[in-house]
């Protein structure tokens, strides 16, 4: 069984890059965590972005209209209807 050394090096580099970006984001968000009125979980999930009321209403309305028919047709992703066409 041959081992693809270049592939392993690329994967290790990718994982180290993702780890580095995560650590950098952690230290950067620590400064903003003290200034933000929200909870720390909200800061982590939303990246200190607030979702406006209008965007929240449109997202909820879209989910109410499209979730049922997409579940009935057993779609897995949002791209499935486009693949069928």
C-alpha atoms as a PDB file:
ATOM      1  CA  UNK A   1       0.000   0.000   0.000  1.00  0.00           C
ATOM      2  CA  UNK A   2       1.530   3.294  -1.091  1.00  0.00           C
ATOM      3  CA  UNK A   3       1.270   6.383   1.048  1.00  0.00           C
ATOM      4  CA  UNK A   4       0.752   9.731  -0.612  1.00  0.00           C
ATOM      5  CA  UNK A   5       3.289  11.832   1.278  1.00  0.00           C
ATOM      6  CA  UNK A   6       2.363  15.060  -0.481  1.00  0.00           C
ATOM      7  CA  UNK A   7      -1.302  14.513   0.450  1.00  0.00           C
ATOM      8  CA  UNK A   8      -0.412  13.920   4.101  1.00  0.00           C
ATOM      9  CA  UNK A   9       1.730  17.070   4.173  1.00  0.00           C
ATOM     10  CA  UNK A  10      -1.104  19.081   2.609  1.00  0.00           C
ATOM     11  CA  UNK A  11      -3.636  17.755   5.142  1.00  0.00           C
ATOM     12  CA  UNK A  12      -1.340  18.494   8.100  1.00  0.00           C
ATOM     13  CA  UNK A  13      -0.793  22.009   6.735  1.00  0.00           C
ATOM     14  CA  UNK A  14      -4.554  22.504   6.329  1.00  0.00           C
ATOM     15  CA  UNK A  15      -5.295  21.358   9.880  1.00  0.00           C
ATOM     16  CA  UNK A  16      -2.536  23.556  11.305  1.00  0.00           C
ATOM     17  CA  UNK A  17      -3.895  26.500   9.320  1.00  0.00           C
ATOM     18  CA  UNK A  18      -7.420  25.922  10.666  1.00  0.00           C
ATOM     19  CA  UNK A  19      -6.053  25.577  14.199  1.00  0.00           C
ATOM     20  CA  UNK A  20      -4.049  28.787  13.812  1.00  0.00           C
ATOM     21  CA  UNK A  21      -7.059  30.742  12.551  1.00  0.00           C
ATOM     22  CA  UNK A  22      -9.150  29.401  15.435  1.00  0.00           C
ATOM     23  CA  UNK A  23      -6.578  30.449  18.034  1.00  0.00           C
ATOM     24  CA  UNK A  24      -6.202  33.863  16.398  1.00  0.00           C
ATOM     25  CA  UNK A  25      -9.996  34.350  16.399  1.00  0.00           C
ATOM     26  CA  UNK A  26     -10.193  33.306  20.051  1.00  0.00           C
ATOM     27  CA  UNK A  27      -7.723  35.958  21.150  1.00  0.00           C
ATOM     28  CA  UNK A  28      -9.300  38.573  18.912  1.00  0.00           C
ATOM     29  CA  UNK A  29     -12.803  37.860  20.227  1.00  0.00           C
ATOM     30  CA  UNK A  30     -11.612  38.030  23.835  1.00  0.00           C
ATOM     31  CA  UNK A  31     -11.175  41.798  23.454  1.00  0.00           C
ATOM     32  CA  UNK A  32     -14.683  42.237  22.095  1.00  0.00           C
ATOM     33  CA  UNK A  33     -16.276  39.904  24.630  1.00  0.00           C
ATOM     34  CA  UNK A  34     -15.937  42.491  27.392  1.00  0.00           C
ATOM     35  CA  UNK A  35     -17.599  45.209  25.300  1.00  0.00           C
ATOM     36  CA  UNK A  36     -20.518  43.131  24.016  1.00  0.00           C
ATOM     37  CA  UNK A  37     -23.806  43.134  25.941  1.00  0.00           C
ATOM     38  CA  UNK A  38     -24.690  39.590  24.774  1.00  0.00           C
ATOM     39  CA  UNK A  39     -23.782  36.246  26.271  1.00  0.00           C
ATOM     40  CA  UNK A  40     -20.470  34.593  25.480  1.00  0.00           C
ATOM     41  CA  UNK A  41     -22.199  31.752  23.592  1.00  0.00           C
ATOM     42  CA  UNK A  42     -23.931  34.305  21.376  1.00  0.00           C
ATOM     43  CA  UNK A  43     -20.596  35.952  20.626  1.00  0.00           C
ATOM     44  CA  UNK A  44     -19.082  32.582  19.731  1.00  0.00           C
ATOM     45  CA  UNK A  45     -21.908  31.484  17.436  1.00  0.00           C
ATOM     46  CA  UNK A  46     -22.613  34.788  15.715  1.00  0.00           C
ATOM     47  CA  UNK A  47     -19.101  36.199  15.677  1.00  0.00           C
ATOM     48  CA  UNK A  48     -20.303  39.371  17.431  1.00  0.00           C
ATOM     49  CA  UNK A  49     -22.733  40.122  14.609  1.00  0.00           C
ATOM     50  CA  UNK A  50     -26.283  41.056  15.370  1.00  0.00           C
ATOM     51  CA  UNK A  51     -29.029  39.684  13.162  1.00  0.00           C
ATOM     52  CA  UNK A  52     -31.573  42.345  12.398  1.00  0.00           C
ATOM     53  CA  UNK A  53     -35.242  41.865  13.090  1.00  0.00           C
ATOM     54  CA  UNK A  54     -36.160  42.012   9.399  1.00  0.00           C
ATOM     55  CA  UNK A  55     -33.584  39.351   8.465  1.00  0.00           C
ATOM     56  CA  UNK A  56     -34.833  37.152  11.302  1.00  0.00           C
ATOM     57  CA  UNK A  57     -38.453  37.478  10.177  1.00  0.00           C
ATOM     58  CA  UNK A  58     -37.615  36.675   6.532  1.00  0.00           C
ATOM     59  CA  UNK A  59     -35.525  33.678   7.579  1.00  0.00           C
ATOM     60  CA  UNK A  60     -38.309  32.313   9.761  1.00  0.00           C
ATOM     61  CA  UNK A  61     -40.951  32.916   7.082  1.00  0.00           C
ATOM     62  CA  UNK A  62     -38.798  31.205   4.446  1.00  0.00           C
ATOM     63  CA  UNK A  63     -38.326  28.229   6.727  1.00  0.00           C
ATOM     64  CA  UNK A  64     -42.072  27.959   7.325  1.00  0.00           C
ATOM     65  CA  UNK A  65     -42.868  27.981   3.601  1.00  0.00           C
ATOM     66  CA  UNK A  66     -40.062  25.805   2.259  1.00  0.00           C
ATOM     67  CA  UNK A  67     -39.200  23.317   5.022  1.00  0.00           C
ATOM     68  CA  UNK A  68     -42.384  21.238   4.729  1.00  0.00           C
ATOM     69  CA  UNK A  69     -42.333  20.666   0.957  1.00  0.00           C
ATOM     70  CA  UNK A  70     -38.591  19.966   0.993  1.00  0.00           C
ATOM     71  CA  UNK A  71     -38.995  17.364   3.759  1.00  0.00           C
ATOM     72  CA  UNK A  72     -41.897  15.734   1.909  1.00  0.00           C
ATOM     73  CA  UNK A  73     -39.716  15.276  -1.175  1.00  0.00           C
ATOM     74  CA  UNK A  74     -36.884  13.970   1.033  1.00  0.00           C
ATOM     75  CA  UNK A  75     -34.341  16.573  -0.077  1.00  0.00           C
ATOM     76  CA  UNK A  76     -31.064  16.469   1.820  1.00  0.00           C
ATOM     77  CA  UNK A  77     -29.508  19.782   0.790  1.00  0.00           C
ATOM     78  CA  UNK A  78     -30.767  23.107  -0.534  1.00  0.00           C
ATOM     79  CA  UNK A  79     -29.207  22.266  -3.908  1.00  0.00           C
ATOM     80  CA  UNK A  80     -31.267  19.096  -4.459  1.00  0.00           C
ATOM     81  CA  UNK A  81     -34.178  20.873  -6.247  1.00  0.00           C
ATOM     82  CA  UNK A  82     -31.679  22.452  -8.666  1.00  0.00           C
ATOM     83  CA  UNK A  83     -29.986  19.116  -9.354  1.00  0.00           C
ATOM     84  CA  UNK A  84     -33.332  17.548 -10.241  1.00  0.00           C
ATOM     85  CA  UNK A  85     -34.114  20.323 -12.752  1.00  0.00           C
END
